[in-house]
Every structure is written in structure tokens, then in C-alpha cells.
Amino acid sequence: VSQSRYVANELAKHKGPLSLGGLKSLSEDVAVALASCKYDLSLDGLELLSEGTGLFAHKAGLSLRNLAGMSDDIAENLANKEGSLILSFDFSDSIPFLG
């Protein structure tokens, strides 16, 4: 087991909401480990999600407030996820300047 997976497994045992806002990316094994957290999970530093991320299995609330965008598949998986979902994006690169 990798060190990061071990740490994620231990953090997922926390008895309460878990905020890991400083994480910019997640490996698949860390995402799977964090998905086992029974409480709300805040990953507001993440900029991208992979297609097969284990986070979709997380059953409590999930906050992703820094995503740079997402594919249709990720949007569909998040829409079907249990628990509350908080998302925010920066669409400024995709919106033409009107001025």
C-alpha cells in the first residue's frame, strides 16, 4: 500500500466532515480510499477529476469548488451520486468578452 493510500485510508476514518482543500490532484487509489469516508468531504482544491474516479462512490456530501471543467461522463456520474453536491467552476476562459 502506498504512503498516500495509507494516509487517505486513515483520514477516511475521521468521525466528522473532512476538508482537504489543499489537494490539487488525487490518484485513483486515494480517491477510492477517501470515498469510504462516511461524512461530508470537501476537496475544494481539486481542479480536475478523472473519468473513473472512486469519488463517485462517496455517499455523503461532496464539495468541489475549484474544478476547471468536466466531461459529460463526469457530470453524469456526479449527477447520480448520493448525498449533497457543491460545485463551482471558472468558465471565464469559455465565455467571450462582451464589452
C-alpha atoms as a PDB file:
ATOM      1  CA  VAL A   1       0.000   0.000   0.000  1.00  0.00           C
ATOM      2  CA  SER A   2       1.386   3.395  -0.960  1.00  0.00           C
ATOM      3  CA  GLN A   3       2.010   6.012   1.731  1.00  0.00           C
ATOM      4  CA  SER A   4      -0.652   8.304   0.244  1.00  0.00           C
ATOM      5  CA  ARG A   5      -3.213   5.471   0.151  1.00  0.00           C
ATOM      6  CA  TYR A   6      -2.415   4.627   3.790  1.00  0.00           C
ATOM      7  CA  VAL A   7      -2.878   8.269   4.827  1.00  0.00           C
ATOM      8  CA  ALA A   8      -6.153   8.525   2.859  1.00  0.00           C
ATOM      9  CA  ASN A   9      -7.455   5.329   4.491  1.00  0.00           C
ATOM     10  CA  GLU A  10      -6.672   6.731   7.920  1.00  0.00           C
ATOM     11  CA  LEU A  11      -8.218  10.132   7.144  1.00  0.00           C
ATOM     12  CA  ALA A  12     -11.379   8.454   5.827  1.00  0.00           C
ATOM     13  CA  LYS A  13     -11.923   7.011   9.329  1.00  0.00           C
ATOM     14  CA  HIS A  14     -12.359  10.538  10.714  1.00  0.00           C
ATOM     15  CA  LYS A  15     -15.684  10.846  12.528  1.00  0.00           C
ATOM     16  CA  GLY A  16     -16.967  14.077  11.049  1.00  0.00           C
ATOM     17  CA  PRO A  17     -16.749  16.248   7.932  1.00  0.00           C
ATOM     18  CA  LEU A  18     -13.340  16.169   6.267  1.00  0.00           C
ATOM     19  CA  SER A  19     -11.866  19.154   4.401  1.00  0.00           C
ATOM     20  CA  LEU A  20      -8.752  18.634   2.279  1.00  0.00           C
ATOM     21  CA  GLY A  21      -8.774  21.898   0.375  1.00  0.00           C
ATOM     22  CA  GLY A  22      -5.046  21.883  -0.304  1.00  0.00           C
ATOM     23  CA  LEU A  23      -5.137  18.831  -2.562  1.00  0.00           C
ATOM     24  CA  LYS A  24      -4.742  19.778  -6.226  1.00  0.00           C
ATOM     25  CA  SER A  25      -4.965  16.233  -7.619  1.00  0.00           C
ATOM     26  CA  LEU A  26      -5.875  12.707  -6.494  1.00  0.00           C
ATOM     27  CA  SER A  27      -4.601   9.348  -7.599  1.00  0.00           C
ATOM     28  CA  GLU A  28      -7.271   6.719  -8.173  1.00  0.00           C
ATOM     29  CA  ASP A  29      -6.282   4.710  -5.097  1.00  0.00           C
ATOM     30  CA  VAL A  30      -6.504   7.808  -2.878  1.00  0.00           C
ATOM     31  CA  ALA A  31      -9.912   8.704  -4.388  1.00  0.00           C
ATOM     32  CA  VAL A  32     -11.189   5.190  -3.611  1.00  0.00           C
ATOM     33  CA  ALA A  33      -9.905   5.423  -0.034  1.00  0.00           C
ATOM     34  CA  LEU A  34     -11.460   8.860   0.557  1.00  0.00           C
ATOM     35  CA  ALA A  35     -14.775   7.697  -0.911  1.00  0.00           C
ATOM     36  CA  SER A  36     -15.157   5.422   2.107  1.00  0.00           C
ATOM     37  CA  CYS A  37     -15.439   8.482   4.386  1.00  0.00           C
ATOM     38  CA  LYS A  38     -18.909   8.377   5.957  1.00  0.00           C
ATOM     39  CA  TYR A  39     -19.202  12.157   6.336  1.00  0.00           C
ATOM     40  CA  ASP A  40     -19.134  15.212   4.080  1.00  0.00           C
ATOM     41  CA  LEU A  41     -15.946  15.543   2.080  1.00  0.00           C
ATOM     42  CA  SER A  42     -14.589  18.879   0.867  1.00  0.00           C
ATOM     43  CA  LEU A  43     -11.984  18.716  -1.905  1.00  0.00           C
ATOM     44  CA  ASP A  44     -12.141  22.338  -2.959  1.00  0.00           C
ATOM     45  CA  GLY A  45      -8.559  22.410  -4.256  1.00  0.00           C
ATOM     46  CA  LEU A  46      -9.123  19.791  -6.963  1.00  0.00           C
ATOM     47  CA  GLU A  47      -9.006  21.207 -10.462  1.00  0.00           C
ATOM     48  CA  LEU A  48      -9.711  18.013 -12.443  1.00  0.00           C
ATOM     49  CA  LEU A  49     -11.475  14.688 -11.920  1.00  0.00           C
ATOM     50  CA  SER A  50     -10.609  11.548 -13.827  1.00  0.00           C
ATOM     51  CA  GLU A  51     -13.320   9.598 -15.655  1.00  0.00           C
ATOM     52  CA  GLY A  52     -13.187   6.545 -13.410  1.00  0.00           C
ATOM     53  CA  THR A  53     -12.657   8.278 -10.100  1.00  0.00           C
ATOM     54  CA  GLY A  54     -13.614   6.400  -6.970  1.00  0.00           C
ATOM     55  CA  LEU A  55     -15.110   9.596  -5.549  1.00  0.00           C
ATOM     56  CA  PHE A  56     -18.393   8.825  -7.296  1.00  0.00           C
ATOM     57  CA  ALA A  57     -18.944   6.067  -4.690  1.00  0.00           C
ATOM     58  CA  HIS A  58     -18.851   8.586  -1.816  1.00  0.00           C
ATOM     59  CA  LYS A  59     -22.286   8.575  -0.189  1.00  0.00           C
ATOM     60  CA  ALA A  60     -22.195  11.749   1.920  1.00  0.00           C
ATOM     61  CA  GLY A  61     -21.883  15.354   0.771  1.00  0.00           C
ATOM     62  CA  LEU A  62     -19.107  16.274  -1.659  1.00  0.00           C
ATOM     63  CA  SER A  63     -17.771  19.778  -2.284  1.00  0.00           C
ATOM     64  CA  LEU A  64     -15.676  20.513  -5.397  1.00  0.00           C
ATOM     65  CA  ARG A  65     -15.384  24.303  -5.648  1.00  0.00           C
ATOM     66  CA  ASN A  66     -12.336  24.697  -7.869  1.00  0.00           C
ATOM     67  CA  LEU A  67     -12.917  22.482 -10.892  1.00  0.00           C
ATOM     68  CA  ALA A  68     -11.602  23.856 -14.166  1.00  0.00           C
ATOM     69  CA  GLY A  69     -14.307  21.955 -16.046  1.00  0.00           C
ATOM     70  CA  MET A  70     -15.637  18.451 -16.539  1.00  0.00           C
ATOM     71  CA  SER A  71     -16.549  15.983 -19.231  1.00  0.00           C
ATOM     72  CA  ASP A  72     -20.114  14.869 -19.924  1.00  0.00           C
ATOM     73  CA  ASP A  73     -19.335  11.484 -18.321  1.00  0.00           C
ATOM     74  CA  ILE A  74     -18.099  13.081 -15.113  1.00  0.00           C
ATOM     75  CA  ALA A  75     -21.136  15.379 -14.992  1.00  0.00           C
ATOM     76  CA  GLU A  76     -23.429  12.362 -15.384  1.00  0.00           C
ATOM     77  CA  ASN A  77     -21.618  10.414 -12.654  1.00  0.00           C
ATOM     78  CA  LEU A  78     -21.776  13.367 -10.272  1.00  0.00           C
ATOM     79  CA  ALA A  79     -25.475  13.878 -11.037  1.00  0.00           C
ATOM     80  CA  ASN A  80     -26.135  10.270  -9.986  1.00  0.00           C
ATOM     81  CA  LYS A  81     -24.004  10.464  -6.844  1.00  0.00           C
ATOM     82  CA  GLU A  82     -25.690  10.074  -3.468  1.00  0.00           C
ATOM     83  CA  GLY A  83     -25.504  12.914  -0.962  1.00  0.00           C
ATOM     84  CA  SER A  84     -25.311  16.644  -1.428  1.00  0.00           C
ATOM     85  CA  LEU A  85     -23.057  18.071  -4.108  1.00  0.00           C
ATOM     86  CA  ILE A  86     -21.478  21.536  -4.192  1.00  0.00           C
ATOM     87  CA  LEU A  87     -19.706  22.559  -7.410  1.00  0.00           C
ATOM     88  CA  SER A  88     -18.256  25.742  -8.788  1.00  0.00           C
ATOM     89  CA  PHE A  89     -16.343  26.428 -11.979  1.00  0.00           C
ATOM     90  CA  ASP A  90     -14.374  29.186 -13.586  1.00  0.00           C
ATOM     91  CA  PHE A  91     -15.951  29.462 -17.023  1.00  0.00           C
ATOM     92  CA  SER A  92     -14.159  32.727 -17.819  1.00  0.00           C
ATOM     93  CA  ASP A  93     -11.961  31.073 -20.484  1.00  0.00           C
ATOM     94  CA  SER A  94     -15.009  29.790 -22.351  1.00  0.00           C
ATOM     95  CA  ILE A  95     -17.159  32.923 -22.299  1.00  0.00           C
ATOM     96  CA  PRO A  96     -16.416  35.553 -24.943  1.00  0.00           C
ATOM     97  CA  PHE A  97     -15.790  39.034 -23.621  1.00  0.00           C
ATOM     98  CA  LEU A  98     -18.783  41.281 -24.263  1.00  0.00           C
ATOM     99  CA  GLY A  99     -17.752  44.840 -23.934  1.00  0.00           C
END
